[in-house]
C-alpha atoms as a PDB file:
ATOM      1  CA  MET A   1      99.674 -71.913 140.970  1.00  0.00           C
ATOM      2  CA  ALA A   2     100.538 -73.639 137.713  1.00  0.00           C
ATOM      3  CA  ARG A   3      97.937 -74.174 135.036  1.00  0.00           C
ATOM      4  CA  ASN A   4      96.932 -77.816 135.292  1.00  0.00           C
ATOM      5  CA  LEU A   5      96.465 -78.419 131.562  1.00  0.00           C
ATOM      6  CA  GLY A   6      97.892 -81.925 131.207  1.00  0.00           C
ATOM      7  CA  ALA A   7      98.382 -83.625 127.844  1.00  0.00           C
ATOM      8  CA  VAL A   8      95.595 -84.014 125.323  1.00  0.00           C
ATOM      9  CA  SER A   9      95.138 -87.555 123.987  1.00  0.00           C
ATOM     10  CA  LEU A  10      95.004 -88.142 120.260  1.00  0.00           C
ATOM     11  CA  ILE A  11      91.611 -88.913 118.748  1.00  0.00           C
ATOM     12  CA  LEU A  12      91.019 -92.633 119.138  1.00  0.00           C
ATOM     13  CA  ALA A  13      89.694 -92.957 115.627  1.00  0.00           C
ATOM     14  CA  LEU A  14      93.149 -92.086 114.341  1.00  0.00           C
ATOM     15  CA  ALA A  15      94.369 -95.559 115.221  1.00  0.00           C
ATOM     16  CA  ALA A  16      92.213 -97.050 112.489  1.00  0.00           C
ATOM     17  CA  LEU A  17      93.845 -94.764 109.937  1.00  0.00           C
ATOM     18  CA  LEU A  18      97.431 -95.493 110.842  1.00  0.00           C
ATOM     19  CA  PRO A  19      99.723 -97.711 108.823  1.00  0.00           C
ATOM     20  CA  LEU A  20     100.456-101.010 110.538  1.00  0.00           C
ATOM     21  CA  ARG A  21     104.049-100.019 111.120  1.00  0.00           C
ATOM     22  CA  VAL A  22     102.872 -97.188 113.398  1.00  0.00           C
ATOM     23  CA  THR A  23     100.173 -98.974 115.387  1.00  0.00           C
ATOM     24  CA  GLY A  24     101.256-100.421 118.684  1.00  0.00           C
ATOM     25  CA  VAL A  25     103.507 -97.495 119.571  1.00  0.00           C
ATOM     26  CA  ALA A  26     102.526 -94.890 122.133  1.00  0.00           C
ATOM     27  CA  LEU A  27     100.479 -92.426 120.092  1.00  0.00           C
ATOM     28  CA  ALA A  28     100.081 -89.540 122.490  1.00  0.00           C
ATOM     29  CA  GLN A  29     102.234 -87.517 124.789  1.00  0.00           C
ATOM     30  CA  THR A  30     102.635 -89.110 128.178  1.00  0.00           C
ATOM     31  CA  PRO A  31     103.022 -86.731 131.111  1.00  0.00           C
ATOM     32  CA  PRO A  32     104.670 -88.078 134.245  1.00  0.00           C
ATOM     33  CA  SER A  33     102.381 -90.385 136.191  1.00  0.00           C
ATOM     34  CA  ALA A  34     101.653 -89.942 139.877  1.00  0.00           C
ATOM     35  CA  ALA A  35     104.011 -92.825 140.617  1.00  0.00           C
ATOM     36  CA  GLU A  36     106.794 -91.262 138.549  1.00  0.00           C
ATOM     37  CA  ILE A  37     106.309 -87.908 140.229  1.00  0.00           C
ATOM     38  CA  ALA A  38     106.435 -89.519 143.667  1.00  0.00           C
ATOM     39  CA  GLY A  39     109.739 -91.145 142.713  1.00  0.00           C
ATOM     40  CA  TYR A  40     111.393 -87.987 141.411  1.00  0.00           C
ATOM     41  CA  ASP A  41     114.321 -86.417 143.181  1.00  0.00           C
ATOM     42  CA  GLY A  42     116.777 -83.704 142.307  1.00  0.00           C
ATOM     43  CA  LEU A  43     115.982 -81.419 139.399  1.00  0.00           C
ATOM     44  CA  HIS A  44     113.052 -83.503 138.175  1.00  0.00           C
ATOM     45  CA  ALA A  45     111.302 -83.111 141.532  1.00  0.00           C
ATOM     46  CA  VAL A  46     111.848 -79.379 141.903  1.00  0.00           C
ATOM     47  CA  ALA A  47     111.025 -78.746 138.220  1.00  0.00           C
ATOM     48  CA  HIS A  48     107.667 -80.449 138.688  1.00  0.00           C
ATOM     49  CA  ARG A  49     106.978 -78.305 141.759  1.00  0.00           C
ATOM     50  CA  GLY A  50     108.153 -75.124 140.077  1.00  0.00           C
ATOM     51  CA  ASP A  51     110.639 -74.444 142.867  1.00  0.00           C
ATOM     52  CA  VAL A  52     112.922 -71.910 141.207  1.00  0.00           C
ATOM     53  CA  ALA A  53     115.153 -71.375 144.232  1.00  0.00           C
ATOM     54  CA  ALA A  54     115.795 -75.102 144.497  1.00  0.00           C
ATOM     55  CA  ILE A  55     116.502 -75.325 140.751  1.00  0.00           C
ATOM     56  CA  ARG A  56     119.121 -72.609 141.035  1.00  0.00           C
ATOM     57  CA  ARG A  57     120.667 -74.217 144.112  1.00  0.00           C
ATOM     58  CA  LEU A  58     120.888 -77.659 142.504  1.00  0.00           C
ATOM     59  CA  VAL A  59     122.330 -76.234 139.288  1.00  0.00           C
ATOM     60  CA  ALA A  60     124.957 -74.345 141.294  1.00  0.00           C
ATOM     61  CA  ASP A  61     125.837 -77.648 142.969  1.00  0.00           C
ATOM     62  CA  GLY A  62     126.402 -79.285 139.583  1.00  0.00           C
ATOM     63  CA  ALA A  63     123.104 -81.082 138.941  1.00  0.00           C
ATOM     64  CA  ASP A  64     122.734 -82.475 135.418  1.00  0.00           C
ATOM     65  CA  LEU A  65     120.298 -80.323 133.446  1.00  0.00           C
ATOM     66  CA  GLU A  66     119.880 -83.076 130.860  1.00  0.00           C
ATOM     67  CA  ALA A  67     119.251 -85.956 133.281  1.00  0.00           C
ATOM     68  CA  ARG A  68     116.518 -88.283 131.998  1.00  0.00           C
ATOM     69  CA  ASP A  69     113.727 -90.131 133.765  1.00  0.00           C
ATOM     70  CA  GLY A  70     112.557 -93.548 132.591  1.00  0.00           C
ATOM     71  CA  ALA A  71     110.592 -92.006 129.714  1.00  0.00           C
ATOM     72  CA  GLY A  72     113.480 -89.825 128.600  1.00  0.00           C
ATOM     73  CA  ARG A  73     112.059 -86.630 130.072  1.00  0.00           C
ATOM     74  CA  THR A  74     114.529 -83.993 131.178  1.00  0.00           C
ATOM     75  CA  PRO A  75     113.658 -81.641 134.034  1.00  0.00           C
ATOM     76  CA  LEU A  76     112.624 -79.137 131.340  1.00  0.00           C
ATOM     77  CA  HIS A  77     110.065 -81.587 129.904  1.00  0.00           C
ATOM     78  CA  VAL A  78     108.724 -82.220 133.394  1.00  0.00           C
ATOM     79  CA  ALA A  79     108.357 -78.485 134.037  1.00  0.00           C
ATOM     80  CA  ALA A  80     106.570 -78.069 130.688  1.00  0.00           C
ATOM     81  CA  PHE A  81     104.150 -80.920 131.345  1.00  0.00           C
ATOM     82  CA  ALA A  82     103.395 -79.340 134.747  1.00  0.00           C
ATOM     83  CA  SER A  83     102.975 -75.928 133.072  1.00  0.00           C
ATOM     84  CA  GLU A  84     105.498 -74.444 135.489  1.00  0.00           C
ATOM     85  CA  ASP A  85     106.625 -71.481 133.434  1.00  0.00           C
ATOM     86  CA  ALA A  86     108.971 -70.090 136.079  1.00  0.00           C
ATOM     87  CA  ALA A  87     110.752 -73.434 136.266  1.00  0.00           C
ATOM     88  CA  VAL A  88     111.047 -73.529 132.468  1.00  0.00           C
ATOM     89  CA  ARG A  89     112.563 -70.058 132.538  1.00  0.00           C
ATOM     90  CA  ALA A  90     115.019 -70.970 135.313  1.00  0.00           C
ATOM     91  CA  LEU A  91     116.135 -74.174 133.599  1.00  0.00           C
ATOM     92  CA  ALA A  92     116.597 -72.346 130.295  1.00  0.00           C
ATOM     93  CA  ALA A  93     118.644 -69.652 132.022  1.00  0.00           C
ATOM     94  CA  ALA A  94     120.843 -72.380 133.453  1.00  0.00           C
ATOM     95  CA  GLY A  95     121.512 -73.771 129.978  1.00  0.00           C
ATOM     96  CA  ALA A  96     118.958 -76.569 129.531  1.00  0.00           C
ATOM     97  CA  ASP A  97     118.523 -77.821 125.966  1.00  0.00           C
ATOM     98  CA  LEU A  98     115.288 -76.178 124.796  1.00  0.00           C
ATOM     99  CA  ASP A  99     114.973 -78.546 121.832  1.00  0.00           C
ATOM    100  CA  ALA A 100     115.552 -81.802 123.706  1.00  0.00           C
ATOM    101  CA  LEU A 101     113.253 -84.679 122.749  1.00  0.00           C
ATOM    102  CA  GLU A 102     111.961 -87.261 125.197  1.00  0.00           C
ATOM    103  CA  HIS A 103     111.576 -90.919 124.225  1.00  0.00           C
ATOM    104  CA  GLN A 104     108.360 -90.290 122.263  1.00  0.00           C
ATOM    105  CA  ALA A 105     110.155 -87.479 120.415  1.00  0.00           C
ATOM    106  CA  TYR A 106     108.275 -84.564 121.956  1.00  0.00           C
ATOM    107  CA  ASP A 107     109.871 -81.215 122.766  1.00  0.00           C
ATOM    108  CA  ILE A 108     108.524 -78.471 125.005  1.00  0.00           C
ATOM    109  CA  VAL A 109     107.032 -76.539 122.063  1.00  0.00           C
ATOM    110  CA  THR A 110     104.953 -79.548 121.026  1.00  0.00           C
ATOM    111  CA  ILE A 111     104.011 -80.225 124.653  1.00  0.00           C
ATOM    112  CA  ALA A 112     102.709 -76.643 124.896  1.00  0.00           C
ATOM    113  CA  ALA A 113     100.953 -76.884 121.519  1.00  0.00           C
ATOM    114  CA  VAL A 114      99.107 -80.086 122.388  1.00  0.00           C
ATOM    115  CA  ALA A 115      98.094 -78.659 125.763  1.00  0.00           C
ATOM    116  CA  ASN A 116      96.839 -75.466 124.062  1.00  0.00           C
ATOM    117  CA  ASP A 117      99.052 -73.615 126.516  1.00  0.00           C
ATOM    118  CA  SER A 118      99.648 -70.276 124.798  1.00  0.00           C
ATOM    119  CA  GLU A 119     101.603 -68.833 127.709  1.00  0.00           C
ATOM    120  CA  LEU A 120     104.067 -71.710 127.816  1.00  0.00           C
ATOM    121  CA  LEU A 121     104.341 -71.720 124.026  1.00  0.00           C
ATOM    122  CA  GLY A 122     105.107 -68.009 123.947  1.00  0.00           C
ATOM    123  CA  LEU A 123     107.707 -68.412 126.665  1.00  0.00           C
ATOM    124  CA  ALA A 124     109.383 -71.370 124.945  1.00  0.00           C
ATOM    125  CA  LEU A 125     109.605 -69.509 121.653  1.00  0.00           C
ATOM    126  CA  LYS A 126     110.870 -66.354 123.339  1.00  0.00           C
ATOM    127  CA  LEU A 127     113.575 -68.357 125.073  1.00  0.00           C
ATOM    128  CA  GLY A 128     114.713 -69.745 121.735  1.00  0.00           C
ATOM    129  CA  ALA A 129     113.017 -73.123 121.363  1.00  0.00           C
ATOM    130  CA  GLY A 130     112.509 -74.145 117.740  1.00  0.00           C
ATOM    131  CA  ALA A 131     109.078 -73.684 116.177  1.00  0.00           C
ATOM    132  CA  GLY A 132     109.774 -76.230 113.457  1.00  0.00           C
ATOM    133  CA  ASN A 133     111.385 -79.183 115.205  1.00  0.00           C
ATOM    134  CA  VAL A 134     110.409 -82.601 113.847  1.00  0.00           C
ATOM    135  CA  THR A 135     108.638 -84.286 116.736  1.00  0.00           C
ATOM    136  CA  SER A 136     106.364 -87.177 117.705  1.00  0.00           C
ATOM    137  CA  PRO A 137     106.250 -90.797 116.469  1.00  0.00           C
ATOM    138  CA  TYR A 138     104.714 -89.370 113.281  1.00  0.00           C
ATOM    139  CA  ASP A 139     107.741 -87.217 112.354  1.00  0.00           C
ATOM    140  CA  GLY A 140     105.421 -84.253 112.568  1.00  0.00           C
ATOM    141  CA  THR A 141     105.703 -80.801 114.100  1.00  0.00           C
ATOM    142  CA  ALA A 142     104.062 -78.825 116.864  1.00  0.00           C
ATOM    143  CA  LEU A 143     102.066 -77.068 114.148  1.00  0.00           C
ATOM    144  CA  ILE A 144     100.622 -80.331 112.833  1.00  0.00           C
ATOM    145  CA  ALA A 145      99.720 -81.439 116.362  1.00  0.00           C
ATOM    146  CA  ALA A 146      97.968 -78.142 117.099  1.00  0.00           C
ATOM    147  CA  ALA A 147      96.140 -78.175 113.750  1.00  0.00           C
ATOM    148  CA  HIS A 148      94.890 -81.702 114.370  1.00  0.00           C
ATOM    149  CA  LEU A 149      93.408 -80.574 117.689  1.00  0.00           C
ATOM    150  CA  GLY A 150      91.958 -77.300 116.398  1.00  0.00           C
ATOM    151  CA  HIS A 151      94.131 -75.123 118.618  1.00  0.00           C
ATOM    152  CA  HIS A 152      93.908 -72.224 116.212  1.00  0.00           C
ATOM    153  CA  LEU A 153      95.522 -69.565 118.413  1.00  0.00           C
ATOM    154  CA  VAL A 154      98.523 -71.829 118.897  1.00  0.00           C
ATOM    155  CA  VAL A 155      98.559 -72.523 115.154  1.00  0.00           C
ATOM    156  CA  ALA A 156      98.582 -68.801 114.393  1.00  0.00           C
ATOM    157  CA  ARG A 157     101.411 -68.217 116.838  1.00  0.00           C
ATOM    158  CA  LEU A 158     103.501 -71.039 115.411  1.00  0.00           C
ATOM    159  CA  VAL A 159     102.947 -69.795 111.877  1.00  0.00           C
ATOM    160  CA  GLU A 160     104.051 -66.333 112.982  1.00  0.00           C
ATOM    161  CA  ALA A 161     107.152 -67.895 114.563  1.00  0.00           C
ATOM    162  CA  GLY A 162     108.139 -69.493 111.272  1.00  0.00           C
ATOM    163  CA  ALA A 163     106.925 -73.058 111.700  1.00  0.00           C
ATOM    164  CA  PRO A 164     106.981 -74.915 108.354  1.00  0.00           C
ATOM    165  CA  VAL A 165     103.356 -74.857 107.234  1.00  0.00           C
ATOM    166  CA  ASP A 166     103.763 -77.526 104.551  1.00  0.00           C
ATOM    167  CA  HIS A 167     105.747 -80.143 106.471  1.00  0.00           C
ATOM    168  CA  VAL A 168     104.528 -83.639 105.580  1.00  0.00           C
ATOM    169  CA  ASN A 169     104.589 -86.221 108.378  1.00  0.00           C
ATOM    170  CA  ASN A 170     105.131 -89.948 108.011  1.00  0.00           C
ATOM    171  CA  LEU A 171     101.403 -90.484 107.476  1.00  0.00           C
ATOM    172  CA  GLY A 172     101.627 -88.298 104.389  1.00  0.00           C
ATOM    173  CA  TRP A 173      99.678 -85.442 105.972  1.00  0.00           C
ATOM    174  CA  THR A 174     100.304 -81.714 106.323  1.00  0.00           C
ATOM    175  CA  ALA A 175      98.855 -79.507 109.052  1.00  0.00           C
ATOM    176  CA  LEU A 176      96.144 -78.410 106.606  1.00  0.00           C
ATOM    177  CA  ILE A 177      95.180 -81.994 105.796  1.00  0.00           C
ATOM    178  CA  GLU A 178      95.058 -82.906 109.495  1.00  0.00           C
ATOM    179  CA  ALA A 179      92.897 -79.893 110.323  1.00  0.00           C
ATOM    180  CA  VAL A 180      90.337 -81.244 107.861  1.00  0.00           C
ATOM    181  CA  ILE A 181      90.470 -85.013 108.240  1.00  0.00           C
ATOM    182  CA  LEU A 182      91.044 -85.133 111.998  1.00  0.00           C
ATOM    183  CA  GLY A 183      88.902 -82.103 112.799  1.00  0.00           C
ATOM    184  CA  ASP A 184      85.163 -81.933 113.354  1.00  0.00           C
ATOM    185  CA  GLY A 185      84.453 -79.174 110.851  1.00  0.00           C
ATOM    186  CA  GLY A 186      83.509 -76.846 113.705  1.00  0.00           C
ATOM    187  CA  PRO A 187      84.595 -73.296 114.550  1.00  0.00           C
ATOM    188  CA  ASP A 188      87.981 -74.202 116.059  1.00  0.00           C
ATOM    189  CA  HIS A 189      89.077 -76.274 113.088  1.00  0.00           C
ATOM    190  CA  ILE A 190      87.660 -73.720 110.650  1.00  0.00           C
ATOM    191  CA  ALA A 191      89.731 -71.030 112.381  1.00  0.00           C
ATOM    192  CA  THR A 192      92.717 -73.382 112.188  1.00  0.00           C
ATOM    193  CA  VAL A 193      92.275 -73.728 108.415  1.00  0.00           C
ATOM    194  CA  GLU A 194      92.029 -69.937 108.157  1.00  0.00           C
ATOM    195  CA  ALA A 195      95.252 -69.485 110.133  1.00  0.00           C
ATOM    196  CA  LEU A 196      97.096 -72.012 107.984  1.00  0.00           C
ATOM    197  CA  LEU A 197      95.868 -70.442 104.758  1.00  0.00           C
ATOM    198  CA  ALA A 198      96.856 -66.996 106.031  1.00  0.00           C
ATOM    199  CA  GLY A 199     100.303 -68.468 106.652  1.00  0.00           C
ATOM    200  CA  GLY A 200     100.582 -69.612 103.058  1.00  0.00           C
ATOM    201  CA  ALA A 201      99.734 -73.302 103.397  1.00  0.00           C
ATOM    202  CA  ASP A 202      99.764 -75.088 100.033  1.00  0.00           C
ATOM    203  CA  THR A 203      96.261 -76.341  99.256  1.00  0.00           C
ATOM    204  CA  ALA A 204      97.522 -78.518  96.400  1.00  0.00           C
ATOM    205  CA  ILE A 205      99.523 -80.938  98.561  1.00  0.00           C
ATOM    206  CA  ALA A 206      97.641 -84.230  98.512  1.00  0.00           C
ATOM    207  CA  ASP A 207      97.794 -87.258 100.779  1.00  0.00           C
ATOM    208  CA  ARG A 208      99.006 -90.674  99.669  1.00  0.00           C
ATOM    209  CA  GLN A 209      95.615 -91.417  98.134  1.00  0.00           C
ATOM    210  CA  GLY A 210      95.872 -88.269  96.003  1.00  0.00           C
ATOM    211  CA  MET A 211      93.215 -86.359  97.977  1.00  0.00           C
ATOM    212  CA  THR A 212      93.776 -82.687  98.716  1.00  0.00           C
ATOM    213  CA  PRO A 213      92.415 -80.841 101.765  1.00  0.00           C
ATOM    214  CA  LEU A 214      89.601 -79.568  99.547  1.00  0.00           C
ATOM    215  CA  ASP A 215      88.737 -83.112  98.449  1.00  0.00           C
ATOM    216  CA  HIS A 216      88.544 -84.200 102.082  1.00  0.00           C
ATOM    217  CA  ALA A 217      86.455 -81.189 103.090  1.00  0.00           C
ATOM    218  CA  ARG A 218      83.987 -81.889 100.292  1.00  0.00           C
ATOM    219  CA  ALA A 219      83.809 -85.575 101.203  1.00  0.00           C
ATOM    220  CA  ARG A 220      82.978 -84.685 104.808  1.00  0.00           C
ATOM    221  CA  GLY A 221      80.455 -81.985 103.976  1.00  0.00           C
ATOM    222  CA  TYR A 222      82.470 -79.259 105.721  1.00  0.00           C
ATOM    223  CA  ALA A 223      80.904 -76.387 103.775  1.00  0.00           C
ATOM    224  CA  GLU A 224      82.827 -73.515 105.363  1.00  0.00           C
ATOM    225  CA  MET A 225      86.149 -75.283 104.927  1.00  0.00           C
ATOM    226  CA  VAL A 226      85.221 -75.962 101.303  1.00  0.00           C
ATOM    227  CA  ARG A 227      84.529 -72.265 100.814  1.00  0.00           C
ATOM    228  CA  LEU A 228      87.849 -71.253 102.356  1.00  0.00           C
ATOM    229  CA  LEU A 229      89.853 -73.812 100.416  1.00  0.00           C
ATOM    230  CA  GLU A 230      88.166 -72.994  97.129  1.00  0.00           C
ATOM    231  CA  ALA A 231      88.868 -69.300  97.671  1.00  0.00           C
ATOM    232  CA  ALA A 232      92.503 -70.085  98.464  1.00  0.00           C
ATOM    233  CA  ARG A 233      92.953 -71.933  95.183  1.00  0.00           C
END
């Protein structure tokens, strides 16, 4: 039975921090709704169910691996959102584009990262999906998304896979900045900061207001993050 992880919504407080040009767009990943799933046929339907035999049969009959639903999701995206690893593997073996982006610019690596789905992430990377694709409405990466959410094991795995630790998104934030300003200062986000620093994250990169991760950690009273960031300097 597939892991029913679903998508994790972005912190609502983020909306107040966004530039006006970004507000009003869909801010979080959107998995297929019940109505969409009920309307699926072909590869989308069997990918959601994880029916590997049916995937292989439809592919042999010429089904389009890159067919899109109304939200731009391919069967591979649908399988990833459903955490159907066997379906992901079967679609990849058939030649599905592992780096395809749906309409909100999410790929399967970022879907796995947001869901904190280490098994799916490991599979996607092993199959050849990119660890550093630019994704999301924020022109971010899977690493930034995972850092924001405090998914430190995912962060460590992405760093190991070569994800760009100092990528700056269209908000002007790196993964390290997001781990501080969108985190809660607790153990998961502390471990995320540790993983990013171990991966060589640049502590000197500041946001558009000129504040570094250390400045933000001090402003929020995140003592352990302050200690880590000061040591890294």
